[in-house]
Amino acid sequence: MVKDVKCFWCGKRIYWISVGDRKMPIDAAFTPYKRDPEGKHRNHLYTNEGGKISCEILPSVREKEADGFAHCVHICQKKPTYHRPRPMSRRKYYD
């Protein structure tokens, strides 16, 4: 089952799909692709059911050559990177 939500940081529509034993965010927008039978391209797109497609991603000007449309992984550019602060010393100070 696909869950349709908005990204917390950028507000784009994304889907959460099940891939094996984990969940993965993918863009709701479709990306045109051309299948690669030889496997020389390392690009991966995903179907709504969680299927993985190894293919060549086509620019939008070459959409007529596409074998199909699938979703790419969502990587948010606005997501902040938090660093854990250094742990405080557990040593107690006495007066």
PDB file of N, CA and C in Angstrom:
ATOM      1  N   MET A   1       0.835  -1.183   0.000  1.00  0.00           N
ATOM      2  CA  MET A   1       0.000   0.000   0.000  1.00  0.00           C
ATOM      3  C   MET A   1       0.879   1.245   0.000  1.00  0.00           C
ATOM      4  N   VAL A   2       0.517   2.219  -0.805  1.00  0.00           N
ATOM      5  CA  VAL A   2       1.272   3.455  -0.941  1.00  0.00           C
ATOM      6  C   VAL A   2       0.625   4.534  -0.075  1.00  0.00           C
ATOM      7  N   LYS A   3       1.442   5.210   0.716  1.00  0.00           N
ATOM      8  CA  LYS A   3       0.933   6.279   1.564  1.00  0.00           C
ATOM      9  C   LYS A   3       1.349   7.610   0.954  1.00  0.00           C
ATOM     10  N   ASP A   4       0.380   8.459   0.593  1.00  0.00           N
ATOM     11  CA  ASP A   4       0.617   9.750  -0.040  1.00  0.00           C
ATOM     12  C   ASP A   4       0.685  10.833   1.041  1.00  0.00           C
ATOM     13  N   VAL A   5       1.853  11.487   1.174  1.00  0.00           N
ATOM     14  CA  VAL A   5       2.048  12.538   2.177  1.00  0.00           C
ATOM     15  C   VAL A   5       2.864  13.677   1.571  1.00  0.00           C
ATOM     16  N   LYS A   6       3.066  14.734   2.346  1.00  0.00           N
ATOM     17  CA  LYS A   6       3.948  15.833   1.935  1.00  0.00           C
ATOM     18  C   LYS A   6       5.234  15.744   2.740  1.00  0.00           C
ATOM     19  N   CYS A   7       6.339  16.131   2.109  1.00  0.00           N
ATOM     20  CA  CYS A   7       7.628  16.150   2.791  1.00  0.00           C
ATOM     21  C   CYS A   7       7.570  17.194   3.908  1.00  0.00           C
ATOM     22  N   PHE A   8       8.074  16.853   5.074  1.00  0.00           N
ATOM     23  CA  PHE A   8       8.026  17.735   6.232  1.00  0.00           C
ATOM     24  C   PHE A   8       8.803  19.026   5.996  1.00  0.00           C
ATOM     25  N   TRP A   9       9.942  18.961   5.266  1.00  0.00           N
ATOM     26  CA  TRP A   9      10.800  20.118   5.100  1.00  0.00           C
ATOM     27  C   TRP A   9      10.501  20.930   3.844  1.00  0.00           C
ATOM     28  N   CYS A  10      10.290  20.296   2.699  1.00  0.00           N
ATOM     29  CA  CYS A  10      10.116  21.074   1.456  1.00  0.00           C
ATOM     30  C   CYS A  10       8.670  21.150   0.982  1.00  0.00           C
ATOM     31  N   GLY A  11       7.776  20.308   1.482  1.00  0.00           N
ATOM     32  CA  GLY A  11       6.369  20.361   1.118  1.00  0.00           C
ATOM     33  C   GLY A  11       5.999  19.646  -0.170  1.00  0.00           C
ATOM     34  N   LYS A  12       6.963  18.986  -0.844  1.00  0.00           N
ATOM     35  CA  LYS A  12       6.652  18.229  -2.063  1.00  0.00           C
ATOM     36  C   LYS A  12       5.836  16.994  -1.723  1.00  0.00           C
ATOM     37  N   ARG A  13       4.995  16.572  -2.673  1.00  0.00           N
ATOM     38  CA  ARG A  13       4.239  15.330  -2.500  1.00  0.00           C
ATOM     39  C   ARG A  13       5.166  14.142  -2.671  1.00  0.00           C
ATOM     40  N   ILE A  14       5.130  13.229  -1.717  1.00  0.00           N
ATOM     41  CA  ILE A  14       5.950  12.016  -1.796  1.00  0.00           C
ATOM     42  C   ILE A  14       5.090  10.812  -1.435  1.00  0.00           C
ATOM     43  N   TYR A  15       5.571   9.640  -1.799  1.00  0.00           N
ATOM     44  CA  TYR A  15       4.941   8.385  -1.428  1.00  0.00           C
ATOM     45  C   TYR A  15       5.921   7.608  -0.553  1.00  0.00           C
ATOM     46  N   TRP A  16       5.394   6.889   0.417  1.00  0.00           N
ATOM     47  CA  TRP A  16       6.192   5.947   1.190  1.00  0.00           C
ATOM     48  C   TRP A  16       5.823   4.563   0.680  1.00  0.00           C
ATOM     49  N   ILE A  17       6.817   3.827   0.171  1.00  0.00           N
ATOM     50  CA  ILE A  17       6.571   2.477  -0.334  1.00  0.00           C
ATOM     51  C   ILE A  17       7.369   1.476   0.481  1.00  0.00           C
ATOM     52  N   SER A  18       6.907   0.260   0.512  1.00  0.00           N
ATOM     53  CA  SER A  18       7.629  -0.812   1.200  1.00  0.00           C
ATOM     54  C   SER A  18       8.594  -1.454   0.230  1.00  0.00           C
ATOM     55  N   VAL A  19       9.871  -1.480   0.621  1.00  0.00           N
ATOM     56  CA  VAL A  19      10.909  -2.131  -0.175  1.00  0.00           C
ATOM     57  C   VAL A  19      11.581  -3.127   0.746  1.00  0.00           C
ATOM     58  N   GLY A  20      11.248  -4.378   0.582  1.00  0.00           N
ATOM     59  CA  GLY A  20      11.775  -5.404   1.475  1.00  0.00           C
ATOM     60  C   GLY A  20      11.216  -5.220   2.874  1.00  0.00           C
ATOM     61  N   ASP A  21      12.096  -5.059   3.856  1.00  0.00           N
ATOM     62  CA  ASP A  21      11.649  -4.909   5.246  1.00  0.00           C
ATOM     63  C   ASP A  21      11.720  -3.465   5.731  1.00  0.00           C
ATOM     64  N   ARG A  22      11.860  -2.503   4.819  1.00  0.00           N
ATOM     65  CA  ARG A  22      11.925  -1.093   5.208  1.00  0.00           C
ATOM     66  C   ARG A  22      11.024  -0.258   4.326  1.00  0.00           C
ATOM     67  N   LYS A  23      10.885   1.018   4.661  1.00  0.00           N
ATOM     68  CA  LYS A  23      10.083   1.935   3.847  1.00  0.00           C
ATOM     69  C   LYS A  23      10.993   2.976   3.221  1.00  0.00           C
ATOM     70  N   MET A  24      10.621   3.443   2.024  1.00  0.00           N
ATOM     71  CA  MET A  24      11.447   4.386   1.285  1.00  0.00           C
ATOM     72  C   MET A  24      10.584   5.522   0.751  1.00  0.00           C
ATOM     73  N   PRO A  25      11.056   6.795   0.863  1.00  0.00           N
ATOM     74  CA  PRO A  25      10.296   7.899   0.288  1.00  0.00           C
ATOM     75  C   PRO A  25      10.638   8.052  -1.198  1.00  0.00           C
ATOM     76  N   ILE A  26       9.607   8.170  -2.039  1.00  0.00           N
ATOM     77  CA  ILE A  26       9.825   8.408  -3.466  1.00  0.00           C
ATOM     78  C   ILE A  26       9.004   9.613  -3.890  1.00  0.00           C
ATOM     79  N   ASP A  27       9.468  10.302  -4.930  1.00  0.00           N
ATOM     80  CA  ASP A  27       8.736  11.457  -5.454  1.00  0.00           C
ATOM     81  C   ASP A  27       7.439  11.004  -6.097  1.00  0.00           C
ATOM     82  N   ALA A  28       6.403  11.821  -5.953  1.00  0.00           N
ATOM     83  CA  ALA A  28       5.114  11.487  -6.558  1.00  0.00           C
ATOM     84  C   ALA A  28       5.145  11.720  -8.066  1.00  0.00           C
ATOM     85  N   ALA A  29       6.008  12.629  -8.523  1.00  0.00           N
ATOM     86  CA  ALA A  29       6.119  12.921  -9.958  1.00  0.00           C
ATOM     87  C   ALA A  29       6.753  11.731 -10.676  1.00  0.00           C
ATOM     88  N   PHE A  30       6.288  11.481 -11.893  1.00  0.00           N
ATOM     89  CA  PHE A  30       6.835  10.384 -12.688  1.00  0.00           C
ATOM     90  C   PHE A  30       8.076  10.825 -13.441  1.00  0.00           C
ATOM     91  N   THR A  31       9.008   9.890 -13.614  1.00  0.00           N
ATOM     92  CA  THR A  31      10.245  10.128 -14.346  1.00  0.00           C
ATOM     93  C   THR A  31      10.269   9.188 -15.547  1.00  0.00           C
ATOM     94  N   PRO A  32      10.518   9.715 -16.771  1.00  0.00           N
ATOM     95  CA  PRO A  32      10.587   8.826 -17.942  1.00  0.00           C
ATOM     96  C   PRO A  32      11.883   8.006 -17.918  1.00  0.00           C
ATOM     97  N   TYR A  33      11.779   6.752 -18.349  1.00  0.00           N
ATOM     98  CA  TYR A  33      12.967   5.906 -18.370  1.00  0.00           C
ATOM     99  C   TYR A  33      12.979   5.030 -19.609  1.00  0.00           C
ATOM    100  N   LYS A  34      14.153   4.520 -19.933  1.00  0.00           N
ATOM    101  CA  LYS A  34      14.339   3.557 -21.012  1.00  0.00           C
ATOM    102  C   LYS A  34      15.042   2.354 -20.393  1.00  0.00           C
ATOM    103  N   ARG A  35      14.472   1.167 -20.561  1.00  0.00           N
ATOM    104  CA  ARG A  35      15.038  -0.045 -19.950  1.00  0.00           C
ATOM    105  C   ARG A  35      16.443  -0.303 -20.468  1.00  0.00           C
ATOM    106  N   ASP A  36      17.254  -0.848 -19.593  1.00  0.00           N
ATOM    107  CA  ASP A  36      18.639  -1.156 -19.927  1.00  0.00           C
ATOM    108  C   ASP A  36      18.871  -2.658 -19.783  1.00  0.00           C
ATOM    109  N   PRO A  37      18.726  -3.436 -20.881  1.00  0.00           N
ATOM    110  CA  PRO A  37      18.870  -4.893 -20.764  1.00  0.00           C
ATOM    111  C   PRO A  37      20.290  -5.327 -20.418  1.00  0.00           C
ATOM    112  N   GLU A  38      21.293  -4.526 -20.771  1.00  0.00           N
ATOM    113  CA  GLU A  38      22.682  -4.904 -20.506  1.00  0.00           C
ATOM    114  C   GLU A  38      23.104  -4.601 -19.075  1.00  0.00           C
ATOM    115  N   GLY A  39      22.402  -3.717 -18.405  1.00  0.00           N
ATOM    116  CA  GLY A  39      22.708  -3.392 -17.020  1.00  0.00           C
ATOM    117  C   GLY A  39      23.889  -2.468 -16.832  1.00  0.00           C
ATOM    118  N   LYS A  40      24.243  -1.693 -17.864  1.00  0.00           N
ATOM    119  CA  LYS A  40      25.398  -0.809 -17.716  1.00  0.00           C
ATOM    120  C   LYS A  40      25.043   0.502 -17.004  1.00  0.00           C
ATOM    121  N   HIS A  41      23.769   0.860 -16.934  1.00  0.00           N
ATOM    122  CA  HIS A  41      23.357   2.050 -16.191  1.00  0.00           C
ATOM    123  C   HIS A  41      23.013   1.645 -14.769  1.00  0.00           C
ATOM    124  N   ARG A  42      23.404   2.463 -13.815  1.00  0.00           N
ATOM    125  CA  ARG A  42      23.166   2.131 -12.414  1.00  0.00           C
ATOM    126  C   ARG A  42      22.038   2.955 -11.812  1.00  0.00           C
ATOM    127  N   ASN A  43      21.201   3.530 -12.634  1.00  0.00           N
ATOM    128  CA  ASN A  43      20.065   4.302 -12.135  1.00  0.00           C
ATOM    129  C   ASN A  43      18.949   3.349 -11.747  1.00  0.00           C
ATOM    130  N   HIS A  44      18.250   3.692 -10.673  1.00  0.00           N
ATOM    131  CA  HIS A  44      17.151   2.858 -10.215  1.00  0.00           C
ATOM    132  C   HIS A  44      15.912   3.716 -10.008  1.00  0.00           C
ATOM    133  N   LEU A  45      14.801   3.242 -10.526  1.00  0.00           N
ATOM    134  CA  LEU A  45      13.504   3.857 -10.293  1.00  0.00           C
ATOM    135  C   LEU A  45      12.624   2.812  -9.615  1.00  0.00           C
ATOM    136  N   TYR A  46      11.530   3.272  -9.007  1.00  0.00           N
ATOM    137  CA  TYR A  46      10.674   2.373  -8.244  1.00  0.00           C
ATOM    138  C   TYR A  46       9.230   2.488  -8.684  1.00  0.00           C
ATOM    139  N   THR A  47       8.522   1.360  -8.652  1.00  0.00           N
ATOM    140  CA  THR A  47       7.094   1.347  -8.956  1.00  0.00           C
ATOM    141  C   THR A  47       6.323   1.553  -7.656  1.00  0.00           C
ATOM    142  N   ASN A  48       5.019   1.776  -7.768  1.00  0.00           N
ATOM    143  CA  ASN A  48       4.185   1.958  -6.574  1.00  0.00           C
ATOM    144  C   ASN A  48       4.170   0.719  -5.687  1.00  0.00           C
ATOM    145  N   GLU A  49       4.393  -0.440  -6.259  1.00  0.00           N
ATOM    146  CA  GLU A  49       4.371  -1.683  -5.493  1.00  0.00           C
ATOM    147  C   GLU A  49       5.713  -1.988  -4.845  1.00  0.00           C
ATOM    148  N   GLY A  50       6.732  -1.162  -5.086  1.00  0.00           N
ATOM    149  CA  GLY A  50       8.049  -1.392  -4.508  1.00  0.00           C
ATOM    150  C   GLY A  50       9.011  -2.107  -5.432  1.00  0.00           C
ATOM    151  N   GLY A  51       8.618  -2.319  -6.676  1.00  0.00           N
ATOM    152  CA  GLY A  51       9.506  -2.956  -7.641  1.00  0.00           C
ATOM    153  C   GLY A  51      10.616  -2.017  -8.070  1.00  0.00           C
ATOM    154  N   LYS A  52      11.809  -2.568  -8.289  1.00  0.00           N
ATOM    155  CA  LYS A  52      12.983  -1.770  -8.644  1.00  0.00           C
ATOM    156  C   LYS A  52      13.290  -1.966 -10.127  1.00  0.00           C
ATOM    157  N   ILE A  53      13.548  -0.865 -10.851  1.00  0.00           N
ATOM    158  CA  ILE A  53      13.824  -0.911 -12.280  1.00  0.00           C
ATOM    159  C   ILE A  53      15.216  -0.342 -12.519  1.00  0.00           C
ATOM    160  N   SER A  54      16.114  -1.112 -13.135  1.00  0.00           N
ATOM    161  CA  SER A  54      17.433  -0.627 -13.517  1.00  0.00           C
ATOM    162  C   SER A  54      17.304  -0.063 -14.933  1.00  0.00           C
ATOM    163  N   CYS A  55      17.623   1.214 -15.111  1.00  0.00           N
ATOM    164  CA  CYS A  55      17.323   1.853 -16.387  1.00  0.00           C
ATOM    165  C   CYS A  55      18.171   3.093 -16.630  1.00  0.00           C
ATOM    166  N   GLU A  56      17.959   3.678 -17.803  1.00  0.00           N
ATOM    167  CA  GLU A  56      18.542   4.976 -18.144  1.00  0.00           C
ATOM    168  C   GLU A  56      17.439   6.015 -17.951  1.00  0.00           C
ATOM    169  N   ILE A  57      17.720   7.037 -17.142  1.00  0.00           N
ATOM    170  CA  ILE A  57      16.740   8.100 -16.905  1.00  0.00           C
ATOM    171  C   ILE A  57      16.837   9.093 -18.052  1.00  0.00           C
ATOM    172  N   LEU A  58      15.697   9.368 -18.667  1.00  0.00           N
ATOM    173  CA  LEU A  58      15.670  10.264 -19.823  1.00  0.00           C
ATOM    174  C   LEU A  58      15.283  11.681 -19.419  1.00  0.00           C
ATOM    175  N   PRO A  59      15.873  12.689 -20.068  1.00  0.00           N
ATOM    176  CA  PRO A  59      15.398  14.057 -19.833  1.00  0.00           C
ATOM    177  C   PRO A  59      14.006  14.224 -20.430  1.00  0.00           C
ATOM    178  N   SER A  60      13.279  15.216 -19.991  1.00  0.00           N
ATOM    179  CA  SER A  60      11.882  15.389 -20.425  1.00  0.00           C
ATOM    180  C   SER A  60      11.759  15.636 -21.923  1.00  0.00           C
ATOM    181  N   VAL A  61      12.817  16.118 -22.582  1.00  0.00           N
ATOM    182  CA  VAL A  61      12.734  16.365 -24.035  1.00  0.00           C
ATOM    183  C   VAL A  61      12.724  15.059 -24.826  1.00  0.00           C
ATOM    184  N   ARG A  62      13.137  13.948 -24.203  1.00  0.00           N
ATOM    185  CA  ARG A  62      13.161  12.656 -24.883  1.00  0.00           C
ATOM    186  C   ARG A  62      12.053  11.731 -24.398  1.00  0.00           C
ATOM    187  N   GLU A  63      10.955  12.298 -23.875  1.00  0.00           N
ATOM    188  CA  GLU A  63       9.861  11.498 -23.329  1.00  0.00           C
ATOM    189  C   GLU A  63       9.252  10.531 -24.336  1.00  0.00           C
ATOM    190  N   LYS A  64       9.282  10.864 -25.634  1.00  0.00           N
ATOM    191  CA  LYS A  64       8.669  10.009 -26.650  1.00  0.00           C
ATOM    192  C   LYS A  64       9.407   8.682 -26.801  1.00  0.00           C
ATOM    193  N   GLU A  65      10.701   8.643 -26.410  1.00  0.00           N
ATOM    194  CA  GLU A  65      11.482   7.410 -26.503  1.00  0.00           C
ATOM    195  C   GLU A  65      11.296   6.514 -25.284  1.00  0.00           C
ATOM    196  N   ALA A  66      10.594   6.980 -24.282  1.00  0.00           N
ATOM    197  CA  ALA A  66      10.504   6.281 -23.004  1.00  0.00           C
ATOM    198  C   ALA A  66       9.777   4.952 -23.110  1.00  0.00           C
ATOM    199  N   ASP A  67      10.260   3.973 -22.354  1.00  0.00           N
ATOM    200  CA  ASP A  67       9.593   2.684 -22.238  1.00  0.00           C
ATOM    201  C   ASP A  67       8.490   2.742 -21.185  1.00  0.00           C
ATOM    202  N   GLY A  68       8.577   3.699 -20.297  1.00  0.00           N
ATOM    203  CA  GLY A  68       7.581   3.832 -19.249  1.00  0.00           C
ATOM    204  C   GLY A  68       7.918   4.972 -18.304  1.00  0.00           C
ATOM    205  N   PHE A  69       7.140   5.090 -17.249  1.00  0.00           N
ATOM    206  CA  PHE A  69       7.339   6.142 -16.256  1.00  0.00           C
ATOM    207  C   PHE A  69       7.316   5.499 -14.876  1.00  0.00           C
ATOM    208  N   ALA A  70       8.231   5.919 -14.010  1.00  0.00           N
ATOM    209  CA  ALA A  70       8.298   5.402 -12.649  1.00  0.00           C
ATOM    210  C   ALA A  70       8.750   6.536 -11.718  1.00  0.00           C
ATOM    211  N   HIS A  71       8.925   6.232 -10.446  1.00  0.00           N
ATOM    212  CA  HIS A  71       9.267   7.239  -9.447  1.00  0.00           C
ATOM    213  C   HIS A  71      10.734   7.126  -9.044  1.00  0.00           C
ATOM    214  N   CYS A  72      11.364   8.285  -8.774  1.00  0.00           N
ATOM    215  CA  CYS A  72      12.737   8.262  -8.273  1.00  0.00           C
ATOM    216  C   CYS A  72      12.719   8.511  -6.759  1.00  0.00           C
ATOM    217  N   VAL A  73      13.810   8.195  -6.105  1.00  0.00           N
ATOM    218  CA  VAL A  73      13.927   8.351  -4.663  1.00  0.00           C
ATOM    219  C   VAL A  73      13.889   9.833  -4.310  1.00  0.00           C
ATOM    220  N   HIS A  74      13.167  10.183  -3.236  1.00  0.00           N
ATOM    221  CA  HIS A  74      13.064  11.582  -2.804  1.00  0.00           C
ATOM    222  C   HIS A  74      14.246  11.921  -1.903  1.00  0.00           C
ATOM    223  N   ILE A  75      15.030  12.901  -2.330  1.00  0.00           N
ATOM    224  CA  ILE A  75      16.128  13.418  -1.524  1.00  0.00           C
ATOM    225  C   ILE A  75      15.844  14.893  -1.306  1.00  0.00           C
ATOM    226  N   CYS A  76      15.513  15.264  -0.075  1.00  0.00           N
ATOM    227  CA  CYS A  76      15.103  16.632   0.250  1.00  0.00           C
ATOM    228  C   CYS A  76      16.331  17.527   0.400  1.00  0.00           C
ATOM    229  N   GLN A  77      16.337  18.628  -0.340  1.00  0.00           N
ATOM    230  CA  GLN A  77      17.449  19.575  -0.272  1.00  0.00           C
ATOM    231  C   GLN A  77      17.340  20.498   0.939  1.00  0.00           C
ATOM    232  N   LYS A  78      16.143  20.611   1.517  1.00  0.00           N
ATOM    233  CA  LYS A  78      15.939  21.523   2.640  1.00  0.00           C
ATOM    234  C   LYS A  78      16.054  20.850   3.999  1.00  0.00           C
ATOM    235  N   LYS A  79      16.249  19.540   4.009  1.00  0.00           N
ATOM    236  CA  LYS A  79      16.330  18.821   5.279  1.00  0.00           C
ATOM    237  C   LYS A  79      17.616  19.218   6.004  1.00  0.00           C
ATOM    238  N   PRO A  80      17.495  19.713   7.230  1.00  0.00           N
ATOM    239  CA  PRO A  80      18.711  20.102   7.964  1.00  0.00           C
ATOM    240  C   PRO A  80      19.470  18.881   8.455  1.00  0.00           C
ATOM    241  N   THR A  81      20.752  19.050   8.604  1.00  0.00           N
ATOM    242  CA  THR A  81      21.562  17.971   9.162  1.00  0.00           C
ATOM    243  C   THR A  81      21.901  18.347  10.598  1.00  0.00           C
ATOM    244  N   TYR A  82      21.452  17.555  11.497  1.00  0.00           N
ATOM    245  CA  TYR A  82      21.703  17.808  12.909  1.00  0.00           C
ATOM    246  C   TYR A  82      22.882  16.966  13.372  1.00  0.00           C
ATOM    247  N   HIS A  83      23.697  17.574  14.187  1.00  0.00           N
ATOM    248  CA  HIS A  83      24.821  16.860  14.770  1.00  0.00           C
ATOM    249  C   HIS A  83      24.548  16.689  16.252  1.00  0.00           C
ATOM    250  N   ARG A  84      24.816  15.525  16.754  1.00  0.00           N
ATOM    251  CA  ARG A  84      24.604  15.297  18.176  1.00  0.00           C
ATOM    252  C   ARG A  84      25.636  16.076  18.965  1.00  0.00           C
ATOM    253  N   PRO A  85      25.217  16.743  20.028  1.00  0.00           N
ATOM    254  CA  PRO A  85      26.194  17.450  20.852  1.00  0.00           C
ATOM    255  C   PRO A  85      27.082  16.456  21.592  1.00  0.00           C
ATOM    256  N   ARG A  86      28.243  16.925  21.972  1.00  0.00           N
ATOM    257  CA  ARG A  86      29.137  16.060  22.731  1.00  0.00           C
ATOM    258  C   ARG A  86      28.482  15.698  24.057  1.00  0.00           C
ATOM    259  N   PRO A  87      28.616  14.475  24.497  1.00  0.00           N
ATOM    260  CA  PRO A  87      27.991  14.102  25.766  1.00  0.00           C
ATOM    261  C   PRO A  87      28.647  14.848  26.927  1.00  0.00           C
ATOM    262  N   MET A  88      27.833  15.264  27.871  1.00  0.00           N
ATOM    263  CA  MET A  88      28.364  15.971  29.036  1.00  0.00           C
ATOM    264  C   MET A  88      29.025  14.968  29.977  1.00  0.00           C
ATOM    265  N   SER A  89      29.983  15.460  30.670  1.00  0.00           N
ATOM    266  CA  SER A  89      30.677  14.612  31.634  1.00  0.00           C
ATOM    267  C   SER A  89      29.724  14.260  32.777  1.00  0.00           C
ATOM    268  N   ARG A  90      29.811  13.047  33.240  1.00  0.00           N
ATOM    269  CA  ARG A  90      28.949  12.626  34.335  1.00  0.00           C
ATOM    270  C   ARG A  90      29.587  12.920  35.695  1.00  0.00           C
ATOM    271  N   ARG A  91      30.749  13.485  35.646  1.00  0.00           N
ATOM    272  CA  ARG A  91      31.436  13.804  36.897  1.00  0.00           C
ATOM    273  C   ARG A  91      30.700  14.940  37.606  1.00  0.00           C
ATOM    274  N   LYS A  92      30.458  14.798  38.868  1.00  0.00           N
ATOM    275  CA  LYS A  92      29.743  15.815  39.624  1.00  0.00           C
ATOM    276  C   LYS A  92      30.733  16.761  40.296  1.00  0.00           C
ATOM    277  N   TYR A  93      30.383  17.996  40.272  1.00  0.00           N
ATOM    278  CA  TYR A  93      31.235  18.996  40.910  1.00  0.00           C
ATOM    279  C   TYR A  93      30.618  19.366  42.253  1.00  0.00           C
ATOM    280  N   TYR A  94      31.477  19.407  43.275  1.00  0.00           N
ATOM    281  CA  TYR A  94      31.000  19.757  44.610  1.00  0.00           C
ATOM    282  C   TYR A  94      31.607  21.069  45.046  1.00  0.00           C
ATOM    283  N   ASP A  95      30.895  21.820  45.868  1.00  0.00           N
ATOM    284  CA  ASP A  95      31.399  23.095  46.403  1.00  0.00           C
ATOM    285  C   ASP A  95      32.412  22.856  47.488  1.00  0.00           C
TER     286      ASP A  95
END
